Amino acid sequence: MKKSFKLVGLDCANCAAKIETAVQKITGVQTATVSFMTTKMTIEAEREDMPAIVEQAKAVVKKLEPDVEMVKA
């Protein structure tokens, strides 16, 4: 299952890369991509794991970039 999110306030390509790398390391994530150009993050994981992964991804984004907000795309 794939879910997409908008990263509101994302304003640097390096930040996007840091977020992508960190989210990819979350247990259960099959793929995670962050596009700086579209400020969009896509996470692919099993349906039953997705709610927990989304919460962990939000925590990762807040930790790395406190000014960036992860919202449903």
PDB file of N, CA and C in Angstrom:
ATOM      1  N   MET A   1       0.837  -1.169   0.000  1.00  0.00           N
ATOM      2  CA  MET A   1       0.000   0.000   0.000  1.00  0.00           C
ATOM      3  C   MET A   1       0.885   1.236   0.000  1.00  0.00           C
ATOM      4  N   LYS A   2       0.480   2.245  -0.784  1.00  0.00           N
ATOM      5  CA  LYS A   2       1.228   3.499  -0.856  1.00  0.00           C
ATOM      6  C   LYS A   2       0.399   4.624  -0.263  1.00  0.00           C
ATOM      7  N   LYS A   3       1.077   5.512   0.458  1.00  0.00           N
ATOM      8  CA  LYS A   3       0.428   6.724   0.963  1.00  0.00           C
ATOM      9  C   LYS A   3       1.335   7.901   0.653  1.00  0.00           C
ATOM     10  N   SER A   4       0.719   9.018   0.289  1.00  0.00           N
ATOM     11  CA  SER A   4       1.480  10.225  -0.026  1.00  0.00           C
ATOM     12  C   SER A   4       1.136  11.335   0.959  1.00  0.00           C
ATOM     13  N   PHE A   5       2.141  12.147   1.242  1.00  0.00           N
ATOM     14  CA  PHE A   5       1.985  13.248   2.177  1.00  0.00           C
ATOM     15  C   PHE A   5       2.670  14.480   1.628  1.00  0.00           C
ATOM     16  N   LYS A   6       2.147  15.631   1.974  1.00  0.00           N
ATOM     17  CA  LYS A   6       2.748  16.908   1.623  1.00  0.00           C
ATOM     18  C   LYS A   6       3.606  17.337   2.805  1.00  0.00           C
ATOM     19  N   LEU A   7       4.811  17.778   2.522  1.00  0.00           N
ATOM     20  CA  LEU A   7       5.702  18.268   3.572  1.00  0.00           C
ATOM     21  C   LEU A   7       5.677  19.794   3.521  1.00  0.00           C
ATOM     22  N   VAL A   8       4.756  20.370   4.273  1.00  0.00           N
ATOM     23  CA  VAL A   8       4.548  21.816   4.270  1.00  0.00           C
ATOM     24  C   VAL A   8       5.694  22.500   5.004  1.00  0.00           C
ATOM     25  N   GLY A   9       6.350  23.429   4.325  1.00  0.00           N
ATOM     26  CA  GLY A   9       7.456  24.162   4.927  1.00  0.00           C
ATOM     27  C   GLY A   9       8.827  23.602   4.574  1.00  0.00           C
ATOM     28  N   LEU A  10       8.859  22.546   3.764  1.00  0.00           N
ATOM     29  CA  LEU A  10      10.138  21.963   3.343  1.00  0.00           C
ATOM     30  C   LEU A  10      10.804  22.924   2.364  1.00  0.00           C
ATOM     31  N   ASP A  11      11.978  23.438   2.737  1.00  0.00           N
ATOM     32  CA  ASP A  11      12.600  24.453   1.885  1.00  0.00           C
ATOM     33  C   ASP A  11      14.070  24.199   1.580  1.00  0.00           C
ATOM     34  N   CYS A  12      14.513  22.948   1.758  1.00  0.00           N
ATOM     35  CA  CYS A  12      15.899  22.661   1.385  1.00  0.00           C
ATOM     36  C   CYS A  12      16.039  21.205   0.919  1.00  0.00           C
ATOM     37  N   ALA A  13      16.793  21.022  -0.153  1.00  0.00           N
ATOM     38  CA  ALA A  13      16.950  19.693  -0.747  1.00  0.00           C
ATOM     39  C   ALA A  13      17.665  18.736   0.202  1.00  0.00           C
ATOM     40  N   ASN A  14      18.627  19.243   0.948  1.00  0.00           N
ATOM     41  CA  ASN A  14      19.358  18.408   1.896  1.00  0.00           C
ATOM     42  C   ASN A  14      18.420  17.894   2.985  1.00  0.00           C
ATOM     43  N   CYS A  15      17.504  18.753   3.425  1.00  0.00           N
ATOM     44  CA  CYS A  15      16.521  18.360   4.446  1.00  0.00           C
ATOM     45  C   CYS A  15      15.635  17.232   3.913  1.00  0.00           C
ATOM     46  N   ALA A  16      15.233  17.355   2.654  1.00  0.00           N
ATOM     47  CA  ALA A  16      14.404  16.324   2.024  1.00  0.00           C
ATOM     48  C   ALA A  16      15.150  14.997   2.009  1.00  0.00           C
ATOM     49  N   ALA A  17      16.431  15.029   1.688  1.00  0.00           N
ATOM     50  CA  ALA A  17      17.241  13.804   1.640  1.00  0.00           C
ATOM     51  C   ALA A  17      17.375  13.190   3.035  1.00  0.00           C
ATOM     52  N   LYS A  18      17.580  14.032   4.058  1.00  0.00           N
ATOM     53  CA  LYS A  18      17.693  13.531   5.432  1.00  0.00           C
ATOM     54  C   LYS A  18      16.407  12.843   5.869  1.00  0.00           C
ATOM     55  N   ILE A  19      15.270  13.468   5.553  1.00  0.00           N
ATOM     56  CA  ILE A  19      13.974  12.891   5.922  1.00  0.00           C
ATOM     57  C   ILE A  19      13.768  11.561   5.206  1.00  0.00           C
ATOM     58  N   GLU A  20      14.059  11.533   3.896  1.00  0.00           N
ATOM     59  CA  GLU A  20      13.892  10.305   3.116  1.00  0.00           C
ATOM     60  C   GLU A  20      14.719   9.161   3.712  1.00  0.00           C
ATOM     61  N   THR A  21      15.978   9.429   4.007  1.00  0.00           N
ATOM     62  CA  THR A  21      16.860   8.399   4.565  1.00  0.00           C
ATOM     63  C   THR A  21      16.342   7.886   5.904  1.00  0.00           C
ATOM     64  N   ALA A  22      15.907   8.797   6.759  1.00  0.00           N
ATOM     65  CA  ALA A  22      15.422   8.412   8.092  1.00  0.00           C
ATOM     66  C   ALA A  22      14.130   7.600   8.011  1.00  0.00           C
ATOM     67  N   VAL A  23      13.210   8.002   7.141  1.00  0.00           N
ATOM     68  CA  VAL A  23      11.929   7.290   7.016  1.00  0.00           C
ATOM     69  C   VAL A  23      12.157   5.898   6.423  1.00  0.00           C
ATOM     70  N   GLN A  24      13.117   5.759   5.521  1.00  0.00           N
ATOM     71  CA  GLN A  24      13.425   4.449   4.935  1.00  0.00           C
ATOM     72  C   GLN A  24      13.885   3.457   5.995  1.00  0.00           C
ATOM     73  N   LYS A  25      14.450   3.959   7.097  1.00  0.00           N
ATOM     74  CA  LYS A  25      14.965   3.086   8.153  1.00  0.00           C
ATOM     75  C   LYS A  25      13.897   2.616   9.130  1.00  0.00           C
ATOM     76  N   ILE A  26      12.674   3.162   9.023  1.00  0.00           N
ATOM     77  CA  ILE A  26      11.586   2.739   9.915  1.00  0.00           C
ATOM     78  C   ILE A  26      11.220   1.291   9.587  1.00  0.00           C
ATOM     79  N   THR A  27      11.111   0.473  10.616  1.00  0.00           N
ATOM     80  CA  THR A  27      10.769  -0.936  10.429  1.00  0.00           C
ATOM     81  C   THR A  27       9.418  -1.065   9.720  1.00  0.00           C
ATOM     82  N   GLY A  28       9.392  -1.873   8.651  1.00  0.00           N
ATOM     83  CA  GLY A  28       8.156  -2.107   7.908  1.00  0.00           C
ATOM     84  C   GLY A  28       8.039  -1.294   6.632  1.00  0.00           C
ATOM     85  N   VAL A  29       8.867  -0.258   6.495  1.00  0.00           N
ATOM     86  CA  VAL A  29       8.819   0.569   5.287  1.00  0.00           C
ATOM     87  C   VAL A  29       9.496  -0.181   4.145  1.00  0.00           C
ATOM     88  N   GLN A  30       8.756  -0.360   3.038  1.00  0.00           N
ATOM     89  CA  GLN A  30       9.329  -1.006   1.859  1.00  0.00           C
ATOM     90  C   GLN A  30      10.101   0.019   1.034  1.00  0.00           C
ATOM     91  N   THR A  31       9.463   1.158   0.765  1.00  0.00           N
ATOM     92  CA  THR A  31      10.140   2.264   0.092  1.00  0.00           C
ATOM     93  C   THR A  31       9.617   3.578   0.658  1.00  0.00           C
ATOM     94  N   ALA A  32      10.470   4.565   0.614  1.00  0.00           N
ATOM     95  CA  ALA A  32      10.089   5.922   1.004  1.00  0.00           C
ATOM     96  C   ALA A  32      10.843   6.883   0.102  1.00  0.00           C
ATOM     97  N   THR A  33      10.118   7.809  -0.497  1.00  0.00           N
ATOM     98  CA  THR A  33      10.757   8.808  -1.355  1.00  0.00           C
ATOM     99  C   THR A  33      10.250  10.191  -0.962  1.00  0.00           C
ATOM    100  N   VAL A  34      11.141  11.153  -1.029  1.00  0.00           N
ATOM    101  CA  VAL A  34      10.784  12.544  -0.777  1.00  0.00           C
ATOM    102  C   VAL A  34      11.241  13.351  -1.982  1.00  0.00           C
ATOM    103  N   SER A  35      10.300  14.060  -2.595  1.00  0.00           N
ATOM    104  CA  SER A  35      10.632  14.936  -3.716  1.00  0.00           C
ATOM    105  C   SER A  35      10.679  16.375  -3.210  1.00  0.00           C
ATOM    106  N   PHE A  36      11.862  16.970  -3.269  1.00  0.00           N
ATOM    107  CA  PHE A  36      12.000  18.364  -2.838  1.00  0.00           C
ATOM    108  C   PHE A  36      11.213  19.285  -3.765  1.00  0.00           C
ATOM    109  N   MET A  37      11.205  18.991  -5.056  1.00  0.00           N
ATOM    110  CA  MET A  37      10.524  19.854  -6.035  1.00  0.00           C
ATOM    111  C   MET A  37       9.017  19.945  -5.768  1.00  0.00           C
ATOM    112  N   THR A  38       8.410  18.813  -5.405  1.00  0.00           N
ATOM    113  CA  THR A  38       6.960  18.807  -5.170  1.00  0.00           C
ATOM    114  C   THR A  38       6.618  18.832  -3.682  1.00  0.00           C
ATOM    115  N   THR A  39       7.623  18.766  -2.830  1.00  0.00           N
ATOM    116  CA  THR A  39       7.488  18.660  -1.363  1.00  0.00           C
ATOM    117  C   THR A  39       6.547  17.520  -0.984  1.00  0.00           C
ATOM    118  N   LYS A  40       6.679  16.412  -1.709  1.00  0.00           N
ATOM    119  CA  LYS A  40       5.800  15.262  -1.497  1.00  0.00           C
ATOM    120  C   LYS A  40       6.620  14.065  -1.013  1.00  0.00           C
ATOM    121  N   MET A  41       6.082  13.374  -0.019  1.00  0.00           N
ATOM    122  CA  MET A  41       6.706  12.148   0.464  1.00  0.00           C
ATOM    123  C   MET A  41       5.748  10.995   0.210  1.00  0.00           C
ATOM    124  N   THR A  42       6.279   9.915  -0.345  1.00  0.00           N
ATOM    125  CA  THR A  42       5.496   8.711  -0.585  1.00  0.00           C
ATOM    126  C   THR A  42       6.104   7.575   0.219  1.00  0.00           C
ATOM    127  N   ILE A  43       5.242   6.884   0.969  1.00  0.00           N
ATOM    128  CA  ILE A  43       5.677   5.746   1.776  1.00  0.00           C
ATOM    129  C   ILE A  43       4.935   4.513   1.285  1.00  0.00           C
ATOM    130  N   GLU A  44       5.678   3.427   1.101  1.00  0.00           N
ATOM    131  CA  GLU A  44       5.061   2.153   0.709  1.00  0.00           C
ATOM    132  C   GLU A  44       5.340   1.133   1.803  1.00  0.00           C
ATOM    133  N   ALA A  45       4.256   0.483   2.269  1.00  0.00           N
ATOM    134  CA  ALA A  45       4.364  -0.515   3.338  1.00  0.00           C
ATOM    135  C   ALA A  45       3.108  -1.379   3.334  1.00  0.00           C
ATOM    136  N   GLU A  46       3.129  -2.431   4.137  1.00  0.00           N
ATOM    137  CA  GLU A  46       1.951  -3.279   4.276  1.00  0.00           C
ATOM    138  C   GLU A  46       0.830  -2.473   4.936  1.00  0.00           C
ATOM    139  N   ARG A  47      -0.404  -2.733   4.518  1.00  0.00           N
ATOM    140  CA  ARG A  47      -1.566  -1.989   5.005  1.00  0.00           C
ATOM    141  C   ARG A  47      -1.657  -1.994   6.530  1.00  0.00           C
ATOM    142  N   GLU A  48      -1.451  -3.165   7.151  1.00  0.00           N
ATOM    143  CA  GLU A  48      -1.617  -3.258   8.608  1.00  0.00           C
ATOM    144  C   GLU A  48      -0.516  -2.503   9.370  1.00  0.00           C
ATOM    145  N   ASP A  49       0.635  -2.266   8.736  1.00  0.00           N
ATOM    146  CA  ASP A  49       1.735  -1.544   9.381  1.00  0.00           C
ATOM    147  C   ASP A  49       1.638  -0.030   9.196  1.00  0.00           C
ATOM    148  N   MET A  50       0.837   0.400   8.232  1.00  0.00           N
ATOM    149  CA  MET A  50       0.837   1.805   7.818  1.00  0.00           C
ATOM    150  C   MET A  50       0.515   2.806   8.935  1.00  0.00           C
ATOM    151  N   PRO A  51      -0.513   2.584   9.771  1.00  0.00           N
ATOM    152  CA  PRO A  51      -0.798   3.599  10.809  1.00  0.00           C
ATOM    153  C   PRO A  51       0.393   3.856  11.737  1.00  0.00           C
ATOM    154  N   ALA A  52       1.065   2.813  12.171  1.00  0.00           N
ATOM    155  CA  ALA A  52       2.221   2.968  13.060  1.00  0.00           C
ATOM    156  C   ALA A  52       3.376   3.641  12.319  1.00  0.00           C
ATOM    157  N   ILE A  53       3.574   3.290  11.058  1.00  0.00           N
ATOM    158  CA  ILE A  53       4.657   3.870  10.263  1.00  0.00           C
ATOM    159  C   ILE A  53       4.427   5.366  10.045  1.00  0.00           C
ATOM    160  N   VAL A  54       3.182   5.741   9.782  1.00  0.00           N
ATOM    161  CA  VAL A  54       2.858   7.155   9.569  1.00  0.00           C
ATOM    162  C   VAL A  54       3.170   7.963  10.834  1.00  0.00           C
ATOM    163  N   GLU A  55       2.810   7.422  11.988  1.00  0.00           N
ATOM    164  CA  GLU A  55       3.098   8.115  13.256  1.00  0.00           C
ATOM    165  C   GLU A  55       4.609   8.256  13.470  1.00  0.00           C
ATOM    166  N   GLN A  56       5.346   7.191  13.175  1.00  0.00           N
ATOM    167  CA  GLN A  56       6.802   7.248  13.318  1.00  0.00           C
ATOM    168  C   GLN A  56       7.413   8.242  12.326  1.00  0.00           C
ATOM    169  N   ALA A  57       6.876   8.262  11.108  1.00  0.00           N
ATOM    170  CA  ALA A  57       7.381   9.193  10.088  1.00  0.00           C
ATOM    171  C   ALA A  57       7.136  10.638  10.521  1.00  0.00           C
ATOM    172  N   LYS A  58       5.965  10.906  11.106  1.00  0.00           N
ATOM    173  CA  LYS A  58       5.676  12.264  11.598  1.00  0.00           C
ATOM    174  C   LYS A  58       6.689  12.658  12.673  1.00  0.00           C
ATOM    175  N   ALA A  59       7.008  11.723  13.559  1.00  0.00           N
ATOM    176  CA  ALA A  59       7.978  11.993  14.624  1.00  0.00           C
ATOM    177  C   ALA A  59       9.369  12.276  14.037  1.00  0.00           C
ATOM    178  N   VAL A  60       9.745  11.509  13.013  1.00  0.00           N
ATOM    179  CA  VAL A  60      11.047  11.700  12.351  1.00  0.00           C
ATOM    180  C   VAL A  60      11.113  13.086  11.717  1.00  0.00           C
ATOM    181  N   VAL A  61      10.055  13.464  11.011  1.00  0.00           N
ATOM    182  CA  VAL A  61      10.022  14.772  10.343  1.00  0.00           C
ATOM    183  C   VAL A  61      10.137  15.884  11.384  1.00  0.00           C
ATOM    184  N   LYS A  62       9.376  15.794  12.466  1.00  0.00           N
ATOM    185  CA  LYS A  62       9.420  16.813  13.525  1.00  0.00           C
ATOM    186  C   LYS A  62      10.801  16.903  14.176  1.00  0.00           C
ATOM    187  N   LYS A  63      11.441  15.747  14.366  1.00  0.00           N
ATOM    188  CA  LYS A  63      12.756  15.722  14.998  1.00  0.00           C
ATOM    189  C   LYS A  63      13.808  16.372  14.095  1.00  0.00           C
ATOM    190  N   LEU A  64      13.788  16.009  12.807  1.00  0.00           N
ATOM    191  CA  LEU A  64      14.800  16.512  11.877  1.00  0.00           C
ATOM    192  C   LEU A  64      14.535  17.953  11.446  1.00  0.00           C
ATOM    193  N   GLU A  65      13.272  18.255  11.203  1.00  0.00           N
ATOM    194  CA  GLU A  65      12.883  19.582  10.702  1.00  0.00           C
ATOM    195  C   GLU A  65      11.641  20.055  11.454  1.00  0.00           C
ATOM    196  N   PRO A  66      11.825  20.681  12.623  1.00  0.00           N
ATOM    197  CA  PRO A  66      10.683  21.090  13.454  1.00  0.00           C
ATOM    198  C   PRO A  66       9.681  22.018  12.760  1.00  0.00           C
ATOM    199  N   ASP A  67      10.136  22.758  11.733  1.00  0.00           N
ATOM    200  CA  ASP A  67       9.244  23.694  11.050  1.00  0.00           C
ATOM    201  C   ASP A  67       8.440  23.056   9.920  1.00  0.00           C
ATOM    202  N   VAL A  68       8.711  21.793   9.623  1.00  0.00           N
ATOM    203  CA  VAL A  68       8.015  21.100   8.525  1.00  0.00           C
ATOM    204  C   VAL A  68       6.837  20.305   9.103  1.00  0.00           C
ATOM    205  N   GLU A  69       5.691  20.431   8.425  1.00  0.00           N
ATOM    206  CA  GLU A  69       4.502  19.706   8.859  1.00  0.00           C
ATOM    207  C   GLU A  69       4.135  18.678   7.801  1.00  0.00           C
ATOM    208  N   MET A  70       3.878  17.437   8.245  1.00  0.00           N
ATOM    209  CA  MET A  70       3.508  16.339   7.343  1.00  0.00           C
ATOM    210  C   MET A  70       1.984  16.235   7.323  1.00  0.00           C
ATOM    211  N   VAL A  71       1.376  16.514   6.160  1.00  0.00           N
ATOM    212  CA  VAL A  71      -0.080  16.448   6.027  1.00  0.00           C
ATOM    213  C   VAL A  71      -0.453  15.536   4.867  1.00  0.00           C
ATOM    214  N   LYS A  72      -1.679  15.003   4.906  1.00  0.00           N
ATOM    215  CA  LYS A  72      -2.131  14.121   3.823  1.00  0.00           C
ATOM    216  C   LYS A  72      -2.152  14.875   2.502  1.00  0.00           C
ATOM    217  N   ALA A  73      -1.671  14.220   1.462  1.00  0.00           N
ATOM    218  CA  ALA A  73      -1.612  14.850   0.141  1.00  0.00           C
ATOM    219  C   ALA A  73      -2.968  14.752  -0.543  1.00  0.00           C
TER     220      ALA A  73
END
